[in-house]
Amino acid sequence: MNRSLLRSCVASLLFAVLCVSLCSPLSAADWPRFRGPDSSGISSDTKIPTEWDDKKNLKWKLQLPGKGFSSPIVVGKHVFVSCYSAAGGGLKRHLVCVDRQTGKIAWSKIVPSKTASFRGPRFGTSHGHASHTPVSDGQRVYVLFGGSGVFAFDMNGKQLWHKDVGNKNASMFGSAASPILYKDRLIVTAVAESETIRAFNKETGQEMWKAQAPSSRCYSTPIIAKNADGDDELLISSPGKIWGMNPDTGKPKWSAETKVDMNSCPSPLAKDGTVYVIGGRRGGRTAVRMGGKGNVTKTNVLWSMSGGSYTPSPILHKGCLYWVNDRGSAFCIDAKTGKELGSKRLVGKFYASAVLINGKLYVVSRFTGTFVLEATPALKQVAHNRLSDKSDFSGSPAVSDGQLIFRSDTSLYCIEAK
């Protein structure tokens, strides 16, 4: 082989390796979507510290270009998070890619909003501007920016496609449900935008199906789970009902009545053919056996009663459901019966969903720090960690390879044991 041919072969090989490294499949350590890789909010990590402050176990802090209620995700060496800014009265959405080791911005994309005007600083009006958590398959990252549409970027920040999902603004709070991936498609709950649920080909953006949304007050991120027959079902919580849909076609399969009233915000949980749903303004909880056809309330509802959470999603661990409601009450519930096994009062208000790490619940409050509780009915407090940041912490944490990553309205934080 002559030298020029050899150099050409080596160059081709190096280019192929580089492409693989930039567009590699997801690893077990990644946290690629809202509530983690299997949507359970549970991490197998054992290295996350239980205590931190502005100096102790704080690896880095990054000032963000805007606010947001969305959660960060982690893919390989990078963290992705969305936010919004309104300088000069014009609303802009941002997708920010951060080097997880240095805490420096690798790239950032700005999407001008199609919203006619910014609604102002009054509480509640910031919902929906950047409440959707991105999702990634390791090769692309996808983000919903409300009425501005759905965007797909490669891992270097190049926009691959954009699809409009409507700009109806059906809800005064905007929208919040995060997109999810299933097989070759991206599923988007575009309730506030067009009262629809849609599936797009994740590579091309081609619309694969569109279905009528069950309610305009659905802010809940759906999940995919298997029923007792081994069939995948798309599970969506809406006020008063949980819906099982065919994720390949978007056609509804079954529904069951729940205790979720007015608005549905928490994401469902499913295990061993049973789906658990909490939510509503007054708060309720319901367990339903998946599968069937039509209205299965009489045959498939296992238990249903008052008491739940308006915004934070639950955790299922060793036969118990755990959550902290918006007003700061932590609960342990028997998953078989729905009965309360324990509760604990915490200080503060809560929008973020808890994560379970090494048998402990990490619960981020909006303004009073992060509480670490033992995941037992006693809910014993292990630690209470506070940072000097006084802004709103409403995004749920991401956990990946020894790092706990969460955001406020001003900054992104990485906690790692030193």
Protein backbone atom coordinates (compact mmCIF):
# COMPACT_ATOMS: atom_id res chain seq x y z
CA MET A 1 0.00 0.00 0.00
CA ASN A 2 1.47 3.41 -0.99
CA ARG A 3 1.77 6.22 1.57
CA SER A 4 -0.97 8.45 0.11
CA LEU A 5 -3.47 5.59 0.15
CA LEU A 6 -2.44 4.73 3.72
CA ARG A 7 -2.92 8.34 4.85
CA SER A 8 -6.33 8.38 3.18
CA CYS A 9 -7.40 5.20 4.99
CA VAL A 10 -6.20 6.52 8.35
CA ALA A 11 -8.03 9.81 7.82
CA SER A 12 -11.25 7.97 6.94
CA LEU A 13 -10.93 5.81 10.04
CA LEU A 14 -10.35 8.83 12.31
CA PHE A 15 -13.35 10.60 10.79
CA ALA A 16 -15.53 7.55 11.42
CA VAL A 17 -14.37 7.35 15.04
CA LEU A 18 -15.11 11.05 15.51
CA CYS A 19 -18.60 10.66 14.12
CA VAL A 20 -19.29 7.73 16.43
CA SER A 21 -18.05 9.70 19.45
CA LEU A 22 -20.27 12.67 18.62
CA CYS A 23 -23.33 10.59 17.74
CA SER A 24 -23.03 7.58 19.99
CA PRO A 25 -25.95 5.60 21.36
CA LEU A 26 -27.19 6.41 24.85
CA SER A 27 -25.23 4.89 27.71
CA ALA A 28 -26.56 3.49 30.97
CA ALA A 29 -25.32 6.59 32.80
CA ASP A 30 -27.33 9.02 30.65
CA TRP A 31 -30.43 10.87 31.85
CA PRO A 32 -31.89 11.61 28.40
CA ARG A 33 -35.46 12.73 29.18
CA PHE A 34 -37.80 14.04 31.86
CA ARG A 35 -37.54 11.74 34.92
CA GLY A 36 -34.68 9.69 33.51
CA PRO A 37 -34.22 6.90 30.96
CA ASP A 38 -37.26 4.84 32.03
CA SER A 39 -39.38 7.80 33.24
CA SER A 40 -39.35 6.46 36.83
CA GLY A 41 -37.26 9.16 38.47
CA ILE A 42 -35.01 6.45 39.93
CA SER A 43 -31.21 6.36 39.59
CA SER A 44 -28.87 3.44 40.31
CA ASP A 45 -26.07 5.89 41.13
CA THR A 46 -24.44 5.46 44.54
CA LYS A 47 -21.96 8.33 44.46
CA ILE A 48 -24.26 11.35 44.83
CA PRO A 49 -23.51 13.27 48.05
CA THR A 50 -26.30 14.01 50.50
CA GLU A 51 -24.85 17.36 51.56
CA TRP A 52 -23.75 20.46 49.64
CA ASP A 53 -23.72 24.25 49.66
CA ASP A 54 -22.04 27.04 47.66
CA LYS A 55 -18.62 25.56 48.38
CA LYS A 56 -19.07 22.00 49.58
CA ASN A 57 -19.47 19.40 46.77
CA LEU A 58 -20.38 22.07 44.20
CA LYS A 59 -18.48 21.13 41.03
CA TRP A 60 -19.64 24.11 38.98
CA LYS A 61 -22.31 26.78 38.58
CA LEU A 62 -23.32 28.29 35.24
CA GLN A 63 -25.37 31.42 34.75
CA LEU A 64 -28.14 30.70 32.24
CA PRO A 65 -29.34 33.15 29.57
CA GLY A 66 -32.91 32.96 30.84
CA LYS A 67 -35.52 31.46 33.13
CA GLY A 68 -37.41 28.17 32.92
CA PHE A 69 -39.32 25.38 34.64
CA SER A 70 -37.87 22.67 32.39
CA SER A 71 -35.44 20.04 33.67
CA PRO A 72 -31.91 19.38 32.43
CA ILE A 73 -31.00 16.17 30.62
CA VAL A 74 -27.58 14.50 30.35
CA VAL A 75 -26.20 12.73 27.28
CA GLY A 76 -22.59 11.62 27.35
CA LYS A 77 -20.34 14.60 28.07
CA HIS A 78 -23.07 17.20 27.75
CA VAL A 79 -26.02 18.66 29.62
CA PHE A 80 -28.96 20.16 27.72
CA VAL A 81 -31.44 22.62 29.21
CA SER A 82 -34.02 25.05 27.83
CA CYS A 83 -34.91 28.52 29.05
CA TYR A 84 -36.52 31.76 27.88
CA SER A 85 -35.67 35.46 27.93
CA ALA A 86 -37.74 38.54 27.32
CA ALA A 87 -35.28 41.41 26.99
CA GLY A 88 -36.89 44.41 25.35
CA GLY A 89 -40.32 42.79 25.47
CA GLY A 90 -39.59 40.19 22.80
CA LEU A 91 -39.84 36.56 23.90
CA LYS A 92 -37.01 34.21 22.93
CA ARG A 93 -36.45 30.53 23.70
CA HIS A 94 -32.99 29.06 24.25
CA LEU A 95 -31.60 25.54 24.01
CA VAL A 96 -28.26 25.41 25.82
CA CYS A 97 -25.64 22.64 25.56
CA VAL A 98 -23.16 22.56 28.46
CA ASP A 99 -19.91 20.65 28.94
CA ARG A 100 -20.65 18.64 32.07
CA GLN A 101 -17.06 18.57 33.28
CA THR A 102 -16.28 22.29 32.98
CA GLY A 103 -19.75 23.82 33.29
CA LYS A 104 -19.08 25.96 30.21
CA ILE A 105 -21.51 26.44 27.33
CA ALA A 106 -20.58 24.30 24.32
CA TRP A 107 -23.26 25.84 22.12
CA SER A 108 -26.56 27.68 22.45
CA LYS A 109 -29.45 28.15 20.03
CA ILE A 110 -32.03 30.95 20.18
CA VAL A 111 -35.52 30.54 18.75
CA PRO A 112 -37.62 33.72 18.43
CA SER A 113 -41.12 33.13 19.74
CA LYS A 114 -44.21 33.28 17.58
CA THR A 115 -46.15 34.52 20.60
CA ALA A 116 -47.40 38.04 19.85
CA SER A 117 -46.29 39.51 23.16
CA PHE A 118 -44.73 38.54 26.46
CA ARG A 119 -47.38 38.21 29.16
CA GLY A 120 -45.42 39.83 31.97
CA PRO A 121 -43.96 38.81 35.35
CA ARG A 122 -47.20 37.95 37.21
CA PHE A 123 -47.12 34.48 38.80
CA GLY A 124 -48.37 31.83 36.43
CA THR A 125 -47.59 33.68 33.22
CA SER A 126 -44.12 32.15 32.90
CA HIS A 127 -45.58 28.64 32.56
CA GLY A 128 -45.12 27.24 29.09
CA HIS A 129 -42.33 29.53 27.85
CA ALA A 130 -39.69 26.94 28.80
CA SER A 131 -41.46 24.24 30.78
CA HIS A 132 -40.79 21.38 28.34
CA THR A 133 -37.78 19.19 29.10
CA PRO A 134 -35.73 18.22 26.01
CA VAL A 135 -35.27 14.57 25.02
CA SER A 136 -32.38 12.85 23.20
CA ASP A 137 -31.63 9.54 21.51
CA GLY A 138 -27.86 10.12 21.68
CA GLN A 139 -27.71 11.32 18.07
CA ARG A 140 -30.20 14.19 18.17
CA VAL A 141 -31.79 16.40 20.81
CA TYR A 142 -35.43 17.43 20.52
CA VAL A 143 -37.23 20.30 22.21
CA LEU A 144 -40.78 21.68 22.20
CA PHE A 145 -41.00 25.47 22.38
CA GLY A 146 -44.76 25.84 22.68
CA GLY A 147 -46.35 27.77 19.83
CA SER A 148 -42.94 28.14 18.17
CA GLY A 149 -43.00 24.42 17.42
CA VAL A 150 -40.83 21.32 17.73
CA PHE A 151 -37.13 21.44 16.86
CA ALA A 152 -34.55 18.71 16.23
CA PHE A 153 -30.82 19.46 16.50
CA ASP A 154 -27.79 17.27 16.05
CA MET A 155 -25.32 17.00 18.93
CA ASN A 156 -23.27 19.89 17.52
CA GLY A 157 -26.25 22.27 17.47
CA LYS A 158 -27.15 22.08 13.79
CA GLN A 159 -30.91 22.36 13.27
CA LEU A 160 -32.16 19.27 11.45
CA TRP A 161 -35.86 19.96 11.25
CA HIS A 162 -38.69 22.08 12.66
CA LYS A 163 -42.41 21.35 12.77
CA ASP A 164 -45.28 23.61 13.74
CA VAL A 165 -47.80 22.10 16.17
CA GLY A 166 -50.21 25.03 16.35
CA ASN A 167 -50.39 28.30 18.22
CA LYS A 168 -53.88 28.19 19.65
CA ASN A 169 -52.82 29.05 23.23
CA ALA A 170 -55.69 26.97 24.64
CA SER A 171 -54.46 27.43 28.21
CA MET A 172 -53.67 30.58 30.19
CA PHE A 173 -50.64 28.75 31.64
CA GLY A 174 -49.16 27.76 28.28
CA SER A 175 -47.98 24.16 27.97
CA ALA A 176 -45.67 21.92 29.96
CA ALA A 177 -45.74 18.30 28.75
CA SER A 178 -42.31 17.16 27.55
CA PRO A 179 -41.79 15.23 24.29
CA ILE A 180 -40.84 11.54 24.53
CA LEU A 181 -39.23 9.05 22.14
CA TYR A 182 -40.67 5.71 21.08
CA LYS A 183 -39.07 3.48 18.43
CA ASP A 184 -38.51 5.71 15.39
CA ARG A 185 -40.81 8.50 16.50
CA LEU A 186 -41.03 11.58 18.67
CA ILE A 187 -44.35 11.91 20.52
CA VAL A 188 -45.45 15.45 21.35
CA THR A 189 -48.35 16.43 23.61
CA ALA A 190 -49.36 19.71 21.93
CA VAL A 191 -52.43 20.38 24.06
CA ALA A 192 -52.13 24.15 24.55
CA GLU A 193 -50.94 24.62 20.98
CA SER A 194 -53.63 22.67 19.08
CA GLU A 195 -55.35 20.26 21.52
CA THR A 196 -53.59 17.38 19.76
CA ILE A 197 -51.06 14.63 20.38
CA ARG A 198 -48.71 13.99 17.49
CA ALA A 199 -45.98 11.60 16.45
CA PHE A 200 -43.15 12.64 14.14
CA ASN A 201 -40.45 10.57 12.48
CA LYS A 202 -37.47 11.40 14.66
CA GLU A 203 -35.04 11.55 11.72
CA THR A 204 -37.08 13.50 9.16
CA GLY A 205 -39.81 15.25 11.17
CA GLN A 206 -42.52 13.72 8.99
CA GLU A 207 -45.82 13.52 10.87
CA MET A 208 -46.75 9.87 11.43
CA TRP A 209 -50.05 10.35 13.25
CA LYS A 210 -52.16 13.02 14.93
CA ALA A 211 -54.83 12.40 17.58
CA GLN A 212 -57.26 14.58 19.46
CA ALA A 213 -56.01 15.35 22.96
CA PRO A 214 -58.27 14.17 25.78
CA SER A 215 -58.32 17.61 27.44
CA SER A 216 -56.97 21.15 27.06
CA ARG A 217 -55.89 21.02 30.72
CA CYS A 218 -53.36 18.21 30.31
CA TYR A 219 -49.85 19.32 31.32
CA SER A 220 -48.66 15.80 32.09
CA THR A 221 -45.74 14.19 30.27
CA PRO A 222 -46.94 10.78 28.97
CA ILE A 223 -45.08 7.49 29.40
CA ILE A 224 -44.82 4.21 27.48
CA ALA A 225 -45.36 0.96 29.42
CA LYS A 226 -46.27 -2.66 28.72
CA ASN A 227 -49.61 -4.13 29.77
CA ALA A 228 -50.06 -7.68 31.09
CA ASP A 229 -50.13 -9.01 27.51
CA GLY A 230 -46.78 -7.43 26.73
CA ASP A 231 -48.21 -4.73 24.46
CA ASP A 232 -46.84 -1.19 24.60
CA GLU A 233 -49.30 1.49 25.64
CA LEU A 234 -49.02 5.26 25.58
CA LEU A 235 -50.36 6.42 28.96
CA ILE A 236 -51.68 9.96 29.33
CA SER A 237 -53.21 11.50 32.44
CA SER A 238 -55.96 14.08 31.90
CA PRO A 239 -58.46 15.62 34.32
CA GLY A 240 -60.78 12.83 35.44
CA LYS A 241 -59.27 10.04 33.30
CA ILE A 242 -56.19 8.03 32.46
CA TRP A 243 -55.94 7.04 28.78
CA GLY A 244 -54.23 4.05 27.18
CA MET A 245 -53.39 4.66 23.52
CA ASN A 246 -51.62 2.73 20.79
CA PRO A 247 -48.24 4.48 20.38
CA ASP A 248 -47.88 3.15 16.83
CA THR A 249 -51.14 4.68 15.58
CA GLY A 250 -52.31 7.20 18.18
CA LYS A 251 -55.67 5.45 18.46
CA PRO A 252 -57.24 5.23 21.94
CA LYS A 253 -57.54 1.72 23.41
CA TRP A 254 -59.08 2.27 26.84
CA SER A 255 -59.77 4.86 29.52
CA ALA A 256 -60.54 4.81 33.23
CA GLU A 257 -61.85 7.43 35.62
CA THR A 258 -59.43 8.87 38.19
CA LYS A 259 -59.44 11.34 41.08
CA VAL A 260 -57.39 13.89 39.12
CA ASP A 261 -59.49 17.05 38.94
CA MET A 262 -59.28 20.34 37.00
CA ASN A 263 -55.65 20.08 35.76
CA SER A 264 -53.35 17.11 35.27
CA CYS A 265 -49.65 17.85 35.82
CA PRO A 266 -47.77 14.86 37.34
CA SER A 267 -46.50 12.19 34.98
CA PRO A 268 -47.99 8.68 35.43
CA LEU A 269 -45.98 5.73 36.75
CA ALA A 270 -46.37 2.13 35.60
CA LYS A 271 -45.03 -1.23 36.74
CA ASP A 272 -46.10 -4.85 36.21
CA GLY A 273 -49.16 -3.87 34.18
CA THR A 274 -50.49 -1.29 36.66
CA VAL A 275 -50.45 2.47 36.09
CA TYR A 276 -50.50 4.91 39.00
CA VAL A 277 -51.69 8.47 38.52
CA ILE A 278 -51.85 11.40 40.92
CA GLY A 279 -52.79 15.06 40.43
CA GLY A 280 -55.49 17.67 40.37
CA ARG A 281 -56.11 20.99 42.07
CA ARG A 282 -57.49 19.29 45.19
CA GLY A 283 -55.32 16.23 44.67
CA GLY A 284 -56.25 12.60 44.14
CA ARG A 285 -54.64 9.23 43.44
CA THR A 286 -55.74 6.20 41.42
CA ALA A 287 -54.28 2.82 40.40
CA VAL A 288 -55.51 1.14 37.21
CA ARG A 289 -54.74 -2.25 35.66
CA MET A 290 -53.65 -1.54 32.08
CA GLY A 291 -55.27 -3.12 29.03
CA GLY A 292 -58.79 -3.66 27.80
CA LYS A 293 -61.10 -1.71 25.52
CA GLY A 294 -63.33 1.29 26.04
CA ASN A 295 -64.19 2.53 29.52
CA VAL A 296 -62.62 0.06 31.96
CA THR A 297 -63.36 1.95 35.17
CA LYS A 298 -65.56 -0.77 36.68
CA THR A 299 -63.23 -3.65 35.83
CA ASN A 300 -59.69 -2.21 35.98
CA VAL A 301 -59.58 0.45 38.72
CA LEU A 302 -57.77 -1.13 41.68
CA TRP A 303 -58.18 1.79 44.06
CA SER A 304 -59.03 5.49 43.83
CA MET A 305 -59.16 8.12 46.57
CA SER A 306 -58.44 11.71 47.51
CA GLY A 307 -54.96 12.96 48.35
CA GLY A 308 -52.22 13.54 45.82
CA SER A 309 -50.00 16.23 44.35
CA TYR A 310 -50.85 19.08 42.03
CA THR A 311 -47.51 19.32 40.21
CA PRO A 312 -44.68 16.97 41.39
CA SER A 313 -44.66 13.40 40.00
CA PRO A 314 -44.40 10.29 42.22
CA ILE A 315 -41.74 7.65 42.83
CA LEU A 316 -42.45 3.90 43.15
CA HIS A 317 -40.00 2.07 45.44
CA LYS A 318 -40.33 -1.28 47.23
CA GLY A 319 -44.11 -1.37 47.00
CA CYS A 320 -44.59 2.24 48.11
CA LEU A 321 -45.46 5.43 46.26
CA TYR A 322 -43.68 8.59 47.37
CA TRP A 323 -44.24 12.23 46.53
CA VAL A 324 -44.09 15.72 47.98
CA ASN A 325 -47.06 17.91 47.15
CA ASP A 326 -46.85 21.57 46.18
CA ARG A 327 -47.44 22.77 49.74
CA GLY A 328 -44.57 20.72 51.19
CA SER A 329 -46.14 17.56 52.59
CA ALA A 330 -44.22 14.34 51.84
CA PHE A 331 -46.20 11.10 51.62
CA CYS A 332 -45.59 7.36 51.59
CA ILE A 333 -48.48 5.35 50.13
CA ASP A 334 -49.04 1.60 49.94
CA ALA A 335 -49.09 0.87 46.20
CA LYS A 336 -51.37 -2.15 46.64
CA THR A 337 -54.11 -0.40 48.61
CA GLY A 338 -53.57 3.33 48.11
CA LYS A 339 -53.56 3.85 51.88
CA GLU A 340 -51.21 6.31 53.54
CA LEU A 341 -48.33 4.71 55.45
CA GLY A 342 -46.51 7.86 56.51
CA SER A 343 -46.16 11.59 55.96
CA LYS A 344 -43.83 14.43 56.84
CA ARG A 345 -44.17 18.18 56.69
CA LEU A 346 -41.38 20.07 54.92
CA VAL A 347 -40.80 23.81 54.70
CA GLY A 348 -41.46 25.41 51.34
CA LYS A 349 -43.30 25.10 48.05
CA PHE A 350 -42.55 22.40 45.48
CA TYR A 351 -42.91 22.05 41.70
CA ALA A 352 -39.96 19.74 40.98
CA SER A 353 -40.43 15.97 41.05
CA ALA A 354 -38.33 13.95 43.49
CA VAL A 355 -35.57 11.60 42.36
CA LEU A 356 -34.62 8.38 44.19
CA ILE A 357 -30.89 7.81 44.66
CA ASN A 358 -29.41 5.01 46.77
CA GLY A 359 -32.62 4.58 48.80
CA LYS A 360 -33.06 8.30 49.42
CA LEU A 361 -35.45 10.89 48.02
CA TYR A 362 -33.89 14.11 46.78
CA VAL A 363 -36.59 16.77 46.73
CA VAL A 364 -35.86 20.24 45.33
CA SER A 365 -38.09 23.02 46.66
CA ARG A 366 -38.79 26.24 44.83
CA PHE A 367 -37.18 28.61 47.33
CA THR A 368 -36.06 26.70 50.45
CA GLY A 369 -33.37 24.32 49.22
CA THR A 370 -33.17 20.58 48.62
CA PHE A 371 -34.37 18.03 51.18
CA VAL A 372 -32.93 14.51 51.36
CA LEU A 373 -35.28 11.95 52.94
CA GLU A 374 -35.05 8.23 53.58
CA ALA A 375 -37.43 6.35 51.28
CA THR A 376 -39.29 4.61 54.09
CA PRO A 377 -42.70 5.30 55.68
CA ALA A 378 -40.94 7.33 58.40
CA LEU A 379 -39.49 9.70 55.75
CA LYS A 380 -36.61 10.58 58.05
CA GLN A 381 -34.79 13.73 56.96
CA VAL A 382 -31.14 13.05 56.15
CA ALA A 383 -30.10 16.53 55.01
CA HIS A 384 -31.35 19.97 54.04
CA ASN A 385 -29.10 21.73 51.52
CA ARG A 386 -29.33 25.37 50.59
CA LEU A 387 -27.55 27.55 48.05
CA SER A 388 -27.29 31.34 48.07
CA ASP A 389 -29.38 31.50 44.86
CA LYS A 390 -32.76 33.00 45.84
CA SER A 391 -34.49 32.50 42.48
CA ASP A 392 -37.07 29.83 41.61
CA PHE A 393 -35.95 26.16 41.49
CA SER A 394 -38.84 24.46 39.67
CA GLY A 395 -37.03 22.02 37.36
CA SER A 396 -36.51 18.40 38.40
CA PRO A 397 -32.91 17.12 38.86
CA ALA A 398 -30.96 14.91 36.48
CA VAL A 399 -28.63 12.20 37.82
CA SER A 400 -25.70 10.84 35.83
CA ASP A 401 -22.36 9.22 36.64
CA GLY A 402 -21.86 10.68 40.11
CA GLN A 403 -23.37 14.07 39.31
CA LEU A 404 -26.63 15.67 40.43
CA ILE A 405 -27.57 18.44 38.01
CA PHE A 406 -30.44 20.87 38.55
CA ARG A 407 -31.43 24.40 37.57
CA SER A 408 -32.92 27.58 38.94
CA ASP A 409 -34.30 30.63 37.15
CA THR A 410 -30.78 32.03 37.01
CA SER A 411 -28.26 29.17 37.01
CA LEU A 412 -27.45 25.54 36.31
CA TYR A 413 -25.72 23.57 39.09
CA CYS A 414 -23.63 20.41 39.19
CA ILE A 415 -23.21 18.64 42.53
CA GLU A 416 -20.44 16.03 42.79
CA ALA A 417 -18.64 14.52 45.78
CA LYS A 418 -15.13 15.94 46.12
